[in-house]
Amino acid sequence: QVQLVETGGGLVQAGGSLRLSCAASGLTFSNYALGWFRQAPGKERELVSAISRSGRTTHPVDSVKGRFTTFRDGAKNTLYLQMNSLIPEDTAVYSCAATVAFSERLYYRSNDYTYWGQGTQVTVSS
C-alpha cells in the first residue's frame, strides 16, 4: 500500500522559512517522479514544483522560482520542499504526489499523478 505523508507545515511570518517533508512508503522510491502541489481557499490546486525520479531535474513554477527548492533523498524515501522568503500568497494546503516514471520526464498536471498525500497547511502572516 502506497502512502505519502507530509509534515512540516505551520504558521510563519512573511519573510520566514519552512521545510516540508513527504515520507513515502510502499513503493520503489527511485521509480517515481514526484511533485508538490498547493491549493489555497477558493482556488484550484496548482503545481509548485516537479522533480524527476533521479532528482537531477526539477521544475519550480515561476511564482516560487528562486525562493523554493525541491529535492529528494533516496536513502530516506523522502521528498522535501524548502520554502524561503515566504509571502502571504504562499498560504495554502501543500500536498505531495507520486507517479511511476520510466524516464527523467517531469509531470506537471495533477491528473498525471497516481498517489497523493493528505496535505499540510502552510499559513504565512503579513
Foldseek 3Di string as FASTA:
>chain_A
DKAWAKDWADEEAAQAKIKIKIAIDDDQQLQKKKFKWWDDPPGDIFTQKTAFSVRPDMDGDPVQPPFWDWGDDNVRNMIMIIGGRDDQVPWTWMKMFIDGDPDRDTDGDPVRTDDIHPTDTHGYHD
